[in-house]
Amino acid sequence: MNNMNQMMKQVKKMQAQMLKAQEELENKTFEGTAGGGVVSVVVNGHKKVLSVELKPEAVDPDDIEMLQDLVLTAVNDALTQAEEGANADMGKFTGGMKIPGLF
């Protein structure tokens, strides 16, 4: 019975640590760029876009498709970094296992 109580305490402690790590991810930011930095996108660890910055040289009215591609590339870069950051932070609790809905 004592072993079970100790195991439950450890599980509760790990749950609290995981919750704290998930909350901290919201405060972490990740920046993706494209076009040598003319387009910059910042997301948080919960994969929410916080800002999009376009430098004037990125805007060519005759080539909107290029701007769209740059924005798409920067967003995907930022989201990839956020995913990798979340996996690194939460991986210490899951041992590298992907648990759906956890992050």
Protein backbone atom coordinates (compact mmCIF):
# COMPACT_ATOMS: atom_id res chain seq x y z
CA MET A 1 0.00 0.00 0.00
CA ASN A 2 2.87 2.34 0.82
CA ASN A 3 4.43 1.79 -2.62
CA MET A 4 1.12 2.68 -4.28
CA ASN A 5 0.86 5.92 -2.30
CA GLN A 6 4.42 6.84 -3.19
CA MET A 7 3.79 6.08 -6.85
CA MET A 8 0.66 8.25 -6.84
CA LYS A 9 2.63 11.12 -5.30
CA GLN A 10 5.22 10.80 -8.05
CA VAL A 11 2.52 10.78 -10.73
CA LYS A 12 0.90 13.90 -9.25
CA LYS A 13 4.27 15.63 -9.07
CA MET A 14 4.97 14.79 -12.72
CA GLN A 15 1.51 16.04 -13.73
CA ALA A 16 2.16 19.34 -11.97
CA GLN A 17 5.55 19.67 -13.68
CA MET A 18 4.00 18.92 -17.08
CA LEU A 19 1.26 21.49 -16.53
CA LYS A 20 3.83 24.10 -15.56
CA ALA A 21 5.91 23.29 -18.66
CA GLN A 22 2.82 23.64 -20.88
CA GLU A 23 2.02 27.01 -19.31
CA GLU A 24 5.61 28.16 -19.82
CA LEU A 25 5.37 27.29 -23.52
CA GLU A 26 2.77 30.01 -23.93
CA ASN A 27 5.38 32.56 -22.86
CA LYS A 28 8.13 31.24 -25.13
CA THR A 29 8.42 32.79 -28.56
CA PHE A 30 9.85 31.43 -31.78
CA GLU A 31 10.73 33.51 -34.83
CA GLY A 32 10.64 32.29 -38.40
CA THR A 33 12.08 34.32 -41.24
CA ALA A 34 12.21 34.22 -45.01
CA GLY A 35 13.86 36.15 -47.77
CA GLY A 36 16.94 36.91 -45.73
CA GLY A 37 14.84 38.43 -42.96
CA VAL A 38 12.53 40.65 -45.02
CA VAL A 39 9.60 38.65 -43.64
CA SER A 40 9.49 37.70 -39.97
CA VAL A 41 6.82 35.80 -38.06
CA VAL A 42 6.73 35.27 -34.29
CA VAL A 43 4.67 32.49 -32.69
CA ASN A 44 4.39 31.27 -29.12
CA GLY A 45 4.87 27.73 -27.88
CA HIS A 46 1.17 27.09 -28.31
CA LYS A 47 1.59 27.79 -32.04
CA LYS A 48 -0.34 31.06 -32.02
CA VAL A 49 0.93 33.74 -34.39
CA LEU A 50 1.87 36.80 -32.35
CA SER A 51 3.24 39.07 -35.06
CA VAL A 52 4.06 39.35 -38.74
CA GLU A 53 6.64 41.88 -39.89
CA LEU A 54 7.21 42.81 -43.54
CA LYS A 55 10.09 45.04 -44.50
CA PRO A 56 9.31 47.48 -47.31
CA GLU A 57 11.65 45.71 -49.73
CA ALA A 58 9.50 42.56 -49.40
CA VAL A 59 6.54 44.32 -50.97
CA ASP A 60 6.56 44.37 -54.77
CA PRO A 61 3.08 45.16 -56.12
CA ASP A 62 4.02 43.38 -59.33
CA ASP A 63 4.98 40.16 -57.52
CA ILE A 64 2.39 39.45 -54.83
CA GLU A 65 2.98 35.71 -55.21
CA MET A 66 6.56 36.12 -53.99
CA LEU A 67 5.34 37.94 -50.86
CA GLN A 68 2.78 35.23 -50.23
CA ASP A 69 5.48 32.56 -50.53
CA LEU A 70 7.76 34.48 -48.15
CA VAL A 71 5.01 34.82 -45.54
CA LEU A 72 4.11 31.14 -45.87
CA THR A 73 7.75 30.12 -45.50
CA ALA A 74 8.25 32.33 -42.44
CA VAL A 75 5.08 31.04 -40.76
CA ASN A 76 6.04 27.42 -41.37
CA ASP A 77 9.57 28.10 -40.10
CA ALA A 78 8.23 29.63 -36.88
CA LEU A 79 5.72 26.81 -36.36
CA THR A 80 8.43 24.19 -36.91
CA GLN A 81 10.60 25.89 -34.30
CA ALA A 82 7.66 26.03 -31.87
CA GLU A 83 6.95 22.33 -32.41
CA GLU A 84 10.59 21.44 -31.84
CA GLY A 85 10.69 23.61 -28.72
CA ALA A 86 7.54 22.00 -27.34
CA ASN A 87 8.88 18.52 -28.09
CA ALA A 88 12.14 19.34 -26.34
CA ASP A 89 10.40 20.78 -23.27
CA MET A 90 7.75 18.10 -22.95
CA GLY A 91 9.97 15.22 -24.09
CA LYS A 92 11.63 15.13 -20.70
CA PHE A 93 8.30 14.01 -19.24
CA THR A 94 7.19 11.67 -22.00
CA GLY A 95 10.53 10.04 -22.76
CA GLY A 96 10.15 11.04 -26.41
CA MET A 97 6.72 9.44 -26.81
CA LYS A 98 4.18 11.54 -28.69
CA ILE A 99 1.03 11.73 -26.59
CA PRO A 100 -1.91 13.13 -28.61
CA GLY A 101 -3.41 16.28 -27.15
CA LEU A 102 -0.57 16.86 -24.72
CA PHE A 103 1.09 19.58 -26.78
